[in-house]
PDB file of N, CA and C in Angstrom:
ATOM      1  N   MET A   1      25.836  -1.275  -2.534  1.00  0.00           N
ATOM      2  CA  MET A   1      25.330  -1.708  -3.818  1.00  0.00           C
ATOM      3  C   MET A   1      26.336  -1.341  -4.899  1.00  0.00           C
ATOM      4  N   GLU A   2      26.402  -2.190  -5.881  1.00  0.00           N
ATOM      5  CA  GLU A   2      27.304  -1.944  -6.985  1.00  0.00           C
ATOM      6  C   GLU A   2      26.526  -1.375  -8.168  1.00  0.00           C
ATOM      7  N   VAL A   3      26.189  -0.105  -8.043  1.00  0.00           N
ATOM      8  CA  VAL A   3      25.480   0.619  -9.107  1.00  0.00           C
ATOM      9  C   VAL A   3      26.152   1.978  -9.267  1.00  0.00           C
ATOM     10  N   PRO A   4      25.949   2.607 -10.411  1.00  0.00           N
ATOM     11  CA  PRO A   4      26.548   3.932 -10.609  1.00  0.00           C
ATOM     12  C   PRO A   4      26.029   4.947  -9.571  1.00  0.00           C
ATOM     13  N   ASP A   5      26.820   5.969  -9.329  1.00  0.00           N
ATOM     14  CA  ASP A   5      26.439   7.005  -8.360  1.00  0.00           C
ATOM     15  C   ASP A   5      25.128   7.679  -8.731  1.00  0.00           C
ATOM     16  N   SER A   6      24.884   7.857 -10.018  1.00  0.00           N
ATOM     17  CA  SER A   6      23.639   8.497 -10.445  1.00  0.00           C
ATOM     18  C   SER A   6      22.433   7.647 -10.044  1.00  0.00           C
ATOM     19  N   THR A   7      22.573   6.329 -10.121  1.00  0.00           N
ATOM     20  CA  THR A   7      21.488   5.432  -9.725  1.00  0.00           C
ATOM     21  C   THR A   7      21.297   5.477  -8.216  1.00  0.00           C
ATOM     22  N   LYS A   8      22.391   5.515  -7.470  1.00  0.00           N
ATOM     23  CA  LYS A   8      22.302   5.622  -6.008  1.00  0.00           C
ATOM     24  C   LYS A   8      21.561   6.895  -5.597  1.00  0.00           C
ATOM     25  N   LYS A   9      21.854   7.996  -6.294  1.00  0.00           N
ATOM     26  CA  LYS A   9      21.189   9.264  -5.984  1.00  0.00           C
ATOM     27  C   LYS A   9      19.686   9.171  -6.251  1.00  0.00           C
ATOM     28  N   LYS A  10      19.309   8.476  -7.323  1.00  0.00           N
ATOM     29  CA  LYS A  10      17.887   8.289  -7.628  1.00  0.00           C
ATOM     30  C   LYS A  10      17.212   7.452  -6.544  1.00  0.00           C
ATOM     31  N   TYR A  11      17.895   6.393  -6.095  1.00  0.00           N
ATOM     32  CA  TYR A  11      17.346   5.553  -5.030  1.00  0.00           C
ATOM     33  C   TYR A  11      17.129   6.358  -3.754  1.00  0.00           C
ATOM     34  N   VAL A  12      18.096   7.181  -3.416  1.00  0.00           N
ATOM     35  CA  VAL A  12      17.996   8.005  -2.205  1.00  0.00           C
ATOM     36  C   VAL A  12      16.837   8.992  -2.332  1.00  0.00           C
ATOM     37  N   ALA A  13      16.715   9.620  -3.482  1.00  0.00           N
ATOM     38  CA  ALA A  13      15.629  10.583  -3.695  1.00  0.00           C
ATOM     39  C   ALA A  13      14.263   9.897  -3.600  1.00  0.00           C
ATOM     40  N   GLN A  14      14.139   8.711  -4.185  1.00  0.00           N
ATOM     41  CA  GLN A  14      12.873   7.984  -4.123  1.00  0.00           C
ATOM     42  C   GLN A  14      12.563   7.530  -2.704  1.00  0.00           C
ATOM     43  N   ALA A  15      13.573   7.075  -1.985  1.00  0.00           N
ATOM     44  CA  ALA A  15      13.374   6.630  -0.608  1.00  0.00           C
ATOM     45  C   ALA A  15      12.957   7.798   0.288  1.00  0.00           C
ATOM     46  N   ASN A  16      13.532   8.967   0.062  1.00  0.00           N
ATOM     47  CA  ASN A  16      13.182  10.137   0.858  1.00  0.00           C
ATOM     48  C   ASN A  16      11.788  10.661   0.543  1.00  0.00           C
ATOM     49  N   ALA A  17      11.293  10.372  -0.649  1.00  0.00           N
ATOM     50  CA  ALA A  17       9.966  10.843  -1.052  1.00  0.00           C
ATOM     51  C   ALA A  17       8.851   9.925  -0.555  1.00  0.00           C
ATOM     52  N   THR A  18       9.213   8.797   0.031  1.00  0.00           N
ATOM     53  CA  THR A  18       8.237   7.806   0.469  1.00  0.00           C
ATOM     54  C   THR A  18       8.419   7.536   1.952  1.00  0.00           C
ATOM     55  N   SER A  19       7.305   7.311   2.651  1.00  0.00           N
ATOM     56  CA  SER A  19       7.385   7.059   4.087  1.00  0.00           C
ATOM     57  C   SER A  19       7.945   5.662   4.353  1.00  0.00           C
ATOM     58  N   PRO A  20       8.666   5.507   5.454  1.00  0.00           N
ATOM     59  CA  PRO A  20       9.189   4.180   5.805  1.00  0.00           C
ATOM     60  C   PRO A  20       8.070   3.144   5.973  1.00  0.00           C
ATOM     61  N   SER A  21       6.940   3.546   6.478  1.00  0.00           N
ATOM     62  CA  SER A  21       5.824   2.612   6.646  1.00  0.00           C
ATOM     63  C   SER A  21       5.352   2.070   5.308  1.00  0.00           C
ATOM     64  N   LEU A  22       5.283   2.941   4.324  1.00  0.00           N
ATOM     65  CA  LEU A  22       4.859   2.518   2.994  1.00  0.00           C
ATOM     66  C   LEU A  22       5.882   1.568   2.381  1.00  0.00           C
ATOM     67  N   LEU A  23       7.162   1.889   2.519  1.00  0.00           N
ATOM     68  CA  LEU A  23       8.211   1.022   1.992  1.00  0.00           C
ATOM     69  C   LEU A  23       8.161  -0.361   2.646  1.00  0.00           C
ATOM     70  N   LEU A  24       7.976  -0.396   3.963  1.00  0.00           N
ATOM     71  CA  LEU A  24       7.898  -1.677   4.661  1.00  0.00           C
ATOM     72  C   LEU A  24       6.670  -2.471   4.232  1.00  0.00           C
ATOM     73  N   SER A  25       5.577  -1.798   3.995  1.00  0.00           N
ATOM     74  CA  SER A  25       4.373  -2.484   3.523  1.00  0.00           C
ATOM     75  C   SER A  25       4.608  -3.092   2.147  1.00  0.00           C
ATOM     76  N   TRP A  26       5.230  -2.334   1.263  1.00  0.00           N
ATOM     77  CA  TRP A  26       5.537  -2.849  -0.077  1.00  0.00           C
ATOM     78  C   TRP A  26       6.477  -4.052   0.006  1.00  0.00           C
ATOM     79  N   LEU A  27       7.492  -3.964   0.856  1.00  0.00           N
ATOM     80  CA  LEU A  27       8.429  -5.078   1.000  1.00  0.00           C
ATOM     81  C   LEU A  27       7.731  -6.317   1.546  1.00  0.00           C
ATOM     82  N   SER A  28       6.828  -6.128   2.477  1.00  0.00           N
ATOM     83  CA  SER A  28       6.079  -7.247   3.030  1.00  0.00           C
ATOM     84  C   SER A  28       5.217  -7.923   1.962  1.00  0.00           C
ATOM     85  N   ILE A  29       4.540  -7.125   1.145  1.00  0.00           N
ATOM     86  CA  ILE A  29       3.709  -7.664   0.066  1.00  0.00           C
ATOM     87  C   ILE A  29       4.580  -8.392  -0.958  1.00  0.00           C
ATOM     88  N   ALA A  30       5.724  -7.810  -1.308  1.00  0.00           N
ATOM     89  CA  ALA A  30       6.630  -8.434  -2.267  1.00  0.00           C
ATOM     90  C   ALA A  30       7.188  -9.747  -1.718  1.00  0.00           C
ATOM     91  N   ASN A  31       7.509  -9.780  -0.442  1.00  0.00           N
ATOM     92  CA  ASN A  31       8.010 -10.995   0.183  1.00  0.00           C
ATOM     93  C   ASN A  31       6.953 -12.097   0.165  1.00  0.00           C
ATOM     94  N   GLN A  32       5.726 -11.744   0.511  1.00  0.00           N
ATOM     95  CA  GLN A  32       4.637 -12.720   0.501  1.00  0.00           C
ATOM     96  C   GLN A  32       4.401 -13.252  -0.909  1.00  0.00           C
ATOM     97  N   CYS A  33       4.484 -12.389  -1.899  1.00  0.00           N
ATOM     98  CA  CYS A  33       4.343 -12.795  -3.297  1.00  0.00           C
ATOM     99  C   CYS A  33       5.456 -13.774  -3.675  1.00  0.00           C
ATOM    100  N   ASP A  34       6.664 -13.481  -3.263  1.00  0.00           N
ATOM    101  CA  ASP A  34       7.797 -14.345  -3.552  1.00  0.00           C
ATOM    102  C   ASP A  34       7.611 -15.730  -2.941  1.00  0.00           C
ATOM    103  N   LEU A  35       7.119 -15.776  -1.707  1.00  0.00           N
ATOM    104  CA  LEU A  35       6.905 -17.053  -1.031  1.00  0.00           C
ATOM    105  C   LEU A  35       5.815 -17.883  -1.707  1.00  0.00           C
ATOM    106  N   ASN A  36       4.784 -17.217  -2.233  1.00  0.00           N
ATOM    107  CA  ASN A  36       3.653 -17.917  -2.843  1.00  0.00           C
ATOM    108  C   ASN A  36       3.856 -18.212  -4.328  1.00  0.00           C
ATOM    109  N   TYR A  37       4.847 -17.600  -4.943  1.00  0.00           N
ATOM    110  CA  TYR A  37       5.009 -17.663  -6.401  1.00  0.00           C
ATOM    111  C   TYR A  37       5.195 -19.089  -6.928  1.00  0.00           C
ATOM    112  N   LYS A  38       6.144 -19.828  -6.376  1.00  0.00           N
ATOM    113  CA  LYS A  38       6.442 -21.161  -6.909  1.00  0.00           C
ATOM    114  C   LYS A  38       5.274 -22.121  -6.752  1.00  0.00           C
ATOM    115  N   GLY A  39       4.561 -22.043  -5.653  1.00  0.00           N
ATOM    116  CA  GLY A  39       3.458 -22.959  -5.402  1.00  0.00           C
ATOM    117  C   GLY A  39       2.150 -22.563  -6.051  1.00  0.00           C
ATOM    118  N   SER A  40       2.141 -21.422  -6.698  1.00  0.00           N
ATOM    119  CA  SER A  40       0.907 -20.918  -7.297  1.00  0.00           C
ATOM    120  C   SER A  40       0.607 -21.610  -8.621  1.00  0.00           C
ATOM    121  N   ARG A  41      -0.675 -21.887  -8.849  1.00  0.00           N
ATOM    122  CA  ARG A  41      -1.082 -22.449 -10.137  1.00  0.00           C
ATOM    123  C   ARG A  41      -1.094 -21.368 -11.215  1.00  0.00           C
ATOM    124  N   ASN A  42      -1.332 -20.150 -10.803  1.00  0.00           N
ATOM    125  CA  ASN A  42      -1.365 -19.042 -11.744  1.00  0.00           C
ATOM    126  C   ASN A  42      -0.390 -17.980 -11.237  1.00  0.00           C
ATOM    127  N   GLN A  43       0.867 -18.106 -11.622  1.00  0.00           N
ATOM    128  CA  GLN A  43       1.913 -17.229 -11.110  1.00  0.00           C
ATOM    129  C   GLN A  43       1.708 -15.780 -11.534  1.00  0.00           C
ATOM    130  N   ARG A  44       1.200 -15.584 -12.734  1.00  0.00           N
ATOM    131  CA  ARG A  44       0.956 -14.216 -13.201  1.00  0.00           C
ATOM    132  C   ARG A  44      -0.087 -13.534 -12.315  1.00  0.00           C
ATOM    133  N   LEU A  45      -1.136 -14.255 -11.961  1.00  0.00           N
ATOM    134  CA  LEU A  45      -2.170 -13.699 -11.091  1.00  0.00           C
ATOM    135  C   LEU A  45      -1.599 -13.350  -9.725  1.00  0.00           C
ATOM    136  N   THR A  46      -0.718 -14.196  -9.219  1.00  0.00           N
ATOM    137  CA  THR A  46      -0.080 -13.931  -7.924  1.00  0.00           C
ATOM    138  C   THR A  46       0.670 -12.604  -7.953  1.00  0.00           C
ATOM    139  N   VAL A  47       1.409 -12.363  -9.016  1.00  0.00           N
ATOM    140  CA  VAL A  47       2.170 -11.116  -9.148  1.00  0.00           C
ATOM    141  C   VAL A  47       1.222  -9.931  -9.338  1.00  0.00           C
ATOM    142  N   GLU A  48       0.199 -10.097 -10.172  1.00  0.00           N
ATOM    143  CA  GLU A  48      -0.739  -9.002 -10.420  1.00  0.00           C
ATOM    144  C   GLU A  48      -1.493  -8.618  -9.147  1.00  0.00           C
ATOM    145  N   LEU A  49      -1.872  -9.611  -8.347  1.00  0.00           N
ATOM    146  CA  LEU A  49      -2.542  -9.305  -7.080  1.00  0.00           C
ATOM    147  C   LEU A  49      -1.615  -8.563  -6.125  1.00  0.00           C
ATOM    148  N   ALA A  50      -0.348  -8.955  -6.112  1.00  0.00           N
ATOM    149  CA  ALA A  50       0.616  -8.250  -5.261  1.00  0.00           C
ATOM    150  C   ALA A  50       0.758  -6.797  -5.692  1.00  0.00           C
ATOM    151  N   LEU A  51       0.809  -6.568  -6.998  1.00  0.00           N
ATOM    152  CA  LEU A  51       0.914  -5.189  -7.489  1.00  0.00           C
ATOM    153  C   LEU A  51      -0.337  -4.382  -7.149  1.00  0.00           C
ATOM    154  N   MET A  52      -1.498  -5.022  -7.237  1.00  0.00           N
ATOM    155  CA  MET A  52      -2.744  -4.332  -6.885  1.00  0.00           C
ATOM    156  C   MET A  52      -2.760  -3.990  -5.392  1.00  0.00           C
ATOM    157  N   LYS A  53      -2.261  -4.896  -4.564  1.00  0.00           N
ATOM    158  CA  LYS A  53      -2.176  -4.622  -3.120  1.00  0.00           C
ATOM    159  C   LYS A  53      -1.250  -3.443  -2.861  1.00  0.00           C
ATOM    160  N   MET A  54      -0.133  -3.413  -3.577  1.00  0.00           N
ATOM    161  CA  MET A  54       0.816  -2.304  -3.403  1.00  0.00           C
ATOM    162  C   MET A  54       0.177  -0.974  -3.796  1.00  0.00           C
ATOM    163  N   ALA A  55      -0.572  -0.984  -4.877  1.00  0.00           N
ATOM    164  CA  ALA A  55      -1.246   0.245  -5.313  1.00  0.00           C
ATOM    165  C   ALA A  55      -2.279   0.688  -4.284  1.00  0.00           C
ATOM    166  N   ASN A  56      -2.977  -0.255  -3.678  1.00  0.00           N
ATOM    167  CA  ASN A  56      -3.983   0.079  -2.676  1.00  0.00           C
ATOM    168  C   ASN A  56      -3.336   0.597  -1.409  1.00  0.00           C
ATOM    169  N   VAL A  57      -2.245  -0.008  -0.992  1.00  0.00           N
ATOM    170  CA  VAL A  57      -1.536   0.456   0.206  1.00  0.00           C
ATOM    171  C   VAL A  57      -1.073   1.886  -0.002  1.00  0.00           C
ATOM    172  N   ASN A  58      -0.604   2.197  -1.197  1.00  0.00           N
ATOM    173  CA  ASN A  58      -0.168   3.550  -1.522  1.00  0.00           C
ATOM    174  C   ASN A  58      -1.312   4.542  -1.310  1.00  0.00           C
ATOM    175  N   ALA A  59      -2.521   4.171  -1.727  1.00  0.00           N
ATOM    176  CA  ALA A  59      -3.676   5.048  -1.568  1.00  0.00           C
ATOM    177  C   ALA A  59      -4.019   5.236  -0.091  1.00  0.00           C
ATOM    178  N   LEU A  60      -3.815   4.213   0.717  1.00  0.00           N
ATOM    179  CA  LEU A  60      -4.121   4.312   2.144  1.00  0.00           C
ATOM    180  C   LEU A  60      -3.165   5.233   2.889  1.00  0.00           C
ATOM    181  N   PHE A  61      -1.934   5.334   2.400  1.00  0.00           N
ATOM    182  CA  PHE A  61      -0.942   6.162   3.073  1.00  0.00           C
ATOM    183  C   PHE A  61      -1.009   7.629   2.673  1.00  0.00           C
ATOM    184  N   LYS A  62      -1.731   7.954   1.606  1.00  0.00           N
ATOM    185  CA  LYS A  62      -1.859   9.345   1.197  1.00  0.00           C
ATOM    186  C   LYS A  62      -2.795  10.068   2.145  1.00  0.00           C
ATOM    187  N   ALA A  63      -2.455  11.289   2.493  1.00  0.00           N
ATOM    188  CA  ALA A  63      -3.307  12.095   3.359  1.00  0.00           C
ATOM    189  C   ALA A  63      -4.553  12.519   2.604  1.00  0.00           C
ATOM    190  N   PRO A  64      -5.710  12.421   3.230  1.00  0.00           N
ATOM    191  CA  PRO A  64      -6.941  12.827   2.544  1.00  0.00           C
ATOM    192  C   PRO A  64      -6.990  14.335   2.329  1.00  0.00           C
ATOM    193  N   ASP A  65      -7.540  14.736   1.199  1.00  0.00           N
ATOM    194  CA  ASP A  65      -7.743  16.146   0.920  1.00  0.00           C
ATOM    195  C   ASP A  65      -8.967  16.635   1.677  1.00  0.00           C
ATOM    196  N   ALA A  66      -9.135  17.928   1.752  1.00  0.00           N
ATOM    197  CA  ALA A  66     -10.295  18.498   2.428  1.00  0.00           C
ATOM    198  C   ALA A  66     -11.583  18.057   1.743  1.00  0.00           C
ATOM    199  N   ASP A  67     -11.545  17.897   0.417  1.00  0.00           N
ATOM    200  CA  ASP A  67     -12.722  17.461  -0.326  1.00  0.00           C
ATOM    201  C   ASP A  67     -13.074  16.012  -0.032  1.00  0.00           C
ATOM    202  N   ASP A  68     -12.081  15.206   0.366  1.00  0.00           N
ATOM    203  CA  ASP A  68     -12.310  13.789   0.620  1.00  0.00           C
ATOM    204  C   ASP A  68     -12.965  13.544   1.981  1.00  0.00           C
ATOM    205  N   LYS A  69     -12.917  14.518   2.865  1.00  0.00           N
ATOM    206  CA  LYS A  69     -13.474  14.347   4.201  1.00  0.00           C
ATOM    207  C   LYS A  69     -14.981  14.589   4.154  1.00  0.00           C
ATOM    208  N   LYS A  70     -15.706  13.503   4.157  1.00  0.00           N
ATOM    209  CA  LYS A  70     -17.156  13.605   4.126  1.00  0.00           C
ATOM    210  C   LYS A  70     -17.710  13.088   5.443  1.00  0.00           C
ATOM    211  N   VAL A  71     -18.532  13.857   6.061  1.00  0.00           N
ATOM    212  CA  VAL A  71     -19.149  13.461   7.314  1.00  0.00           C
ATOM    213  C   VAL A  71     -20.461  12.785   6.984  1.00  0.00           C
ATOM    214  N   THR A  72     -20.614  11.586   7.500  1.00  0.00           N
ATOM    215  CA  THR A  72     -21.862  10.881   7.281  1.00  0.00           C
ATOM    216  C   THR A  72     -22.680  10.936   8.550  1.00  0.00           C
ATOM    217  N   ALA A  73     -23.938  11.244   8.387  1.00  0.00           N
ATOM    218  CA  ALA A  73     -24.824  11.326   9.538  1.00  0.00           C
ATOM    219  C   ALA A  73     -25.161   9.922  10.006  1.00  0.00           C
ATOM    220  N   GLU A  74     -25.227   9.774  11.312  1.00  0.00           N
ATOM    221  CA  GLU A  74     -25.588   8.492  11.901  1.00  0.00           C
ATOM    222  C   GLU A  74     -27.099   8.336  11.830  1.00  0.00           C
ATOM    223  N   PRO A  75     -27.613   7.214  11.334  1.00  0.00           N
ATOM    224  CA  PRO A  75     -29.056   7.029  11.258  1.00  0.00           C
ATOM    225  C   PRO A  75     -29.693   7.116  12.641  1.00  0.00           C
ATOM    226  N   ALA A  76     -30.906   7.633  12.688  1.00  0.00           N
ATOM    227  CA  ALA A  76     -31.614   7.821  13.953  1.00  0.00           C
ATOM    228  C   ALA A  76     -31.779   6.500  14.692  1.00  0.00           C
ATOM    229  N   ALA A  77     -31.988   5.417  13.965  1.00  0.00           N
ATOM    230  CA  ALA A  77     -32.181   4.113  14.601  1.00  0.00           C
ATOM    231  C   ALA A  77     -30.951   3.683  15.388  1.00  0.00           C
ATOM    232  N   LEU A  78     -29.771   4.080  14.950  1.00  0.00           N
ATOM    233  CA  LEU A  78     -28.554   3.720  15.667  1.00  0.00           C
ATOM    234  C   LEU A  78     -28.324   4.598  16.885  1.00  0.00           C
ATOM    235  N   LYS A  79     -28.911   5.769  16.907  1.00  0.00           N
ATOM    236  CA  LYS A  79     -28.741   6.697  18.024  1.00  0.00           C
ATOM    237  C   LYS A  79     -29.560   6.289  19.236  1.00  0.00           C
ATOM    238  N   LYS A  80     -30.679   5.556  19.013  1.00  0.00           N
ATOM    239  CA  LYS A  80     -31.539   5.159  20.127  1.00  0.00           C
ATOM    240  C   LYS A  80     -30.846   4.106  20.967  1.00  0.00           C
ATOM    241  N   LYS A  81     -31.001   4.235  22.273  1.00  0.00           N
ATOM    242  CA  LYS A  81     -30.448   3.257  23.186  1.00  0.00           C
ATOM    243  C   LYS A  81     -31.407   2.087  23.293  1.00  0.00           C
ATOM    244  N   VAL A  82     -30.839   0.895  23.348  1.00  0.00           N
ATOM    245  CA  VAL A  82     -31.649  -0.310  23.500  1.00  0.00           C
ATOM    246  C   VAL A  82     -31.807  -0.555  24.993  1.00  0.00           C
ATOM    247  N   ASN A  83     -33.039  -0.650  25.457  1.00  0.00           N
ATOM    248  CA  ASN A  83     -33.295  -0.906  26.892  1.00  0.00           C
ATOM    249  C   ASN A  83     -33.489  -2.371  27.151  1.00  0.00           C
TER     250      ASN A  83
END
């Protein structure tokens, strides 16, 4: 890339702070947005939806905190076997 060394260092730091799976997911969403952009009737909405998807993917890749782990009890009706 033809960018200053300081910018390259920032890119490396950001890439190291993010998982490869998350980066690939973002690239996939951005690629799909690019493919749909020209044919879209509402191009702004297409971009905004892509950004919302990226934000949601980010939330999915974060490890849950201990407070986020909630055990839900299975209803008694689901526990009964159907004969």
